[in-house]
Amino acid sequence: MSRRQRGLVLAYQTAVTLSYTMAKTLATGVEDADKFIKFDSINKIMKAALPHQSKFIDDLGFAAYYHLLDELEGNLLSALRVSLEGDELDQESVARSAEIIRMVREATVRSESGTIEDVQ
């Protein structure tokens, strides 16, 4: 899997996982569940994957993620198609993907045992 593909998968996975986590947290009756998550790091991941959607993400924050899933999926499928056809990826796409992967690593906090504790 190319860096671009990994970056898009990570952005998509982050949006889906966070949405599921928020829904489950709210279903348990926790009020203000969003105060436990620092969305700045996640917004950076989403903006790196879809830079042209930065204003939309800034305006809606977490609520924007759901609306961006189709575009992320389309970009991932396009990247997979390019990979299968053997076409070269442009440098901008590779750099953007590396940035997404770096941001996901920074946003994931691991305990001393190596397990993921929190996404900030």
Protein backbone atom coordinates (compact mmCIF):
# COMPACT_ATOMS: atom_id res chain seq x y z
CA MET A 1 0.00 0.00 0.00
CA SER A 2 1.39 3.40 -0.96
CA ARG A 3 1.85 6.29 1.46
CA ARG A 4 -1.03 8.12 -0.19
CA GLN A 5 -3.33 5.14 0.24
CA ARG A 6 -2.28 4.72 3.89
CA GLY A 7 -2.89 8.40 4.55
CA LEU A 8 -6.37 8.26 3.07
CA VAL A 9 -7.19 5.04 4.92
CA LEU A 10 -6.03 6.58 8.19
CA ALA A 11 -8.11 9.73 7.65
CA TYR A 12 -11.17 7.66 6.75
CA GLN A 13 -10.62 5.29 9.67
CA THR A 14 -10.16 8.21 12.07
CA ALA A 15 -13.44 9.81 10.99
CA VAL A 16 -15.40 6.55 11.27
CA THR A 17 -13.85 5.46 14.57
CA LEU A 18 -14.33 8.85 16.19
CA SER A 19 -17.95 9.02 15.04
CA TYR A 20 -18.64 5.57 16.46
CA THR A 21 -16.89 6.42 19.72
CA MET A 22 -18.86 9.65 20.11
CA ALA A 23 -22.16 7.86 19.41
CA LYS A 24 -21.42 5.13 21.96
CA THR A 25 -20.30 7.68 24.54
CA LEU A 26 -23.46 9.72 24.09
CA ALA A 27 -25.57 6.54 24.22
CA THR A 28 -24.18 5.77 27.67
CA GLY A 29 -25.48 9.11 28.88
CA VAL A 30 -22.21 11.03 29.12
CA GLU A 31 -22.95 14.70 28.61
CA ASP A 32 -20.47 16.88 26.75
CA ALA A 33 -18.62 13.85 25.42
CA ASP A 34 -16.67 16.10 23.08
CA LYS A 35 -14.79 17.67 26.00
CA PHE A 36 -12.78 14.44 26.31
CA ILE A 37 -11.38 14.68 22.78
CA LYS A 38 -9.07 17.35 21.45
CA PHE A 39 -10.33 17.81 17.93
CA ASP A 40 -7.44 20.04 16.81
CA SER A 41 -5.22 17.06 15.95
CA ILE A 42 -8.01 15.23 14.19
CA ASN A 43 -8.99 18.35 12.24
CA LYS A 44 -5.38 18.57 11.03
CA ILE A 45 -5.56 14.97 9.78
CA MET A 46 -8.78 15.66 7.91
CA LYS A 47 -7.40 18.90 6.43
CA ALA A 48 -4.24 17.12 5.30
CA ALA A 49 -6.33 14.49 3.53
CA LEU A 50 -8.73 17.06 2.02
CA PRO A 51 -6.99 20.45 2.05
CA HIS A 52 -9.67 22.07 -0.12
CA GLN A 53 -12.21 21.29 2.63
CA SER A 54 -10.30 23.21 5.34
CA LYS A 55 -12.89 25.97 5.70
CA PHE A 56 -15.71 23.42 5.87
CA ILE A 57 -13.84 21.55 8.62
CA ASP A 58 -13.12 24.81 10.47
CA ASP A 59 -16.77 25.84 10.26
CA LEU A 60 -18.35 22.51 11.28
CA GLY A 61 -15.56 20.73 13.14
CA PHE A 62 -16.47 17.17 14.08
CA ALA A 63 -19.85 17.48 12.33
CA ALA A 64 -18.03 17.81 9.00
CA TYR A 65 -16.40 14.38 9.18
CA TYR A 66 -19.50 12.43 8.22
CA HIS A 67 -20.02 14.60 5.14
CA LEU A 68 -16.42 14.02 4.03
CA LEU A 69 -16.47 10.22 4.15
CA ASP A 70 -17.69 9.82 0.56
CA GLU A 71 -14.97 12.10 -0.74
CA LEU A 72 -12.30 10.30 1.29
CA GLU A 73 -13.56 6.97 0.00
CA GLY A 74 -13.56 8.24 -3.58
CA ASN A 75 -10.00 9.53 -3.23
CA LEU A 76 -8.89 6.23 -1.75
CA LEU A 77 -10.47 4.25 -4.57
CA SER A 78 -8.86 6.60 -7.09
CA ALA A 79 -5.46 6.11 -5.43
CA LEU A 80 -5.93 2.35 -5.52
CA ARG A 81 -6.88 2.52 -9.20
CA VAL A 82 -3.77 4.57 -9.97
CA SER A 83 -1.67 2.03 -8.10
CA LEU A 84 -3.19 -0.90 -9.96
CA GLU A 85 -2.71 0.80 -13.31
CA GLY A 86 0.91 1.53 -12.48
CA ASP A 87 0.65 5.29 -12.96
CA GLU A 88 3.05 7.50 -11.04
CA LEU A 89 1.81 9.47 -8.06
CA ASP A 90 2.59 13.14 -8.02
CA GLN A 91 4.92 14.49 -5.33
CA GLU A 92 2.17 16.62 -3.75
CA SER A 93 -0.01 13.57 -3.09
CA VAL A 94 2.90 11.66 -1.58
CA ALA A 95 3.85 14.60 0.65
CA ARG A 96 0.24 15.07 1.77
CA SER A 97 -0.04 11.37 2.62
CA ALA A 98 3.17 11.45 4.64
CA GLU A 99 1.80 14.44 6.54
CA ILE A 100 -1.47 12.61 7.33
CA ILE A 101 0.43 9.59 8.63
CA ARG A 102 2.67 11.84 10.77
CA MET A 103 -0.36 13.61 12.25
CA VAL A 104 -2.11 10.33 13.06
CA ARG A 105 1.00 9.15 14.89
CA GLU A 106 1.18 12.40 16.85
CA ALA A 107 -2.52 12.24 17.73
CA THR A 108 -2.25 8.72 19.13
CA VAL A 109 -1.04 8.55 22.70
CA ARG A 110 0.33 5.22 23.83
CA SER A 111 0.76 3.95 27.35
CA GLU A 112 4.02 2.44 28.58
CA SER A 113 2.72 -1.00 27.59
CA GLY A 114 2.24 0.27 24.03
CA THR A 115 -1.55 0.21 23.99
CA ILE A 116 -3.50 3.14 22.64
CA GLU A 117 -4.98 5.16 25.47
CA ASP A 118 -6.44 8.26 23.93
CA VAL A 119 -6.73 10.14 20.67
CA GLN A 120 -6.20 13.84 21.15
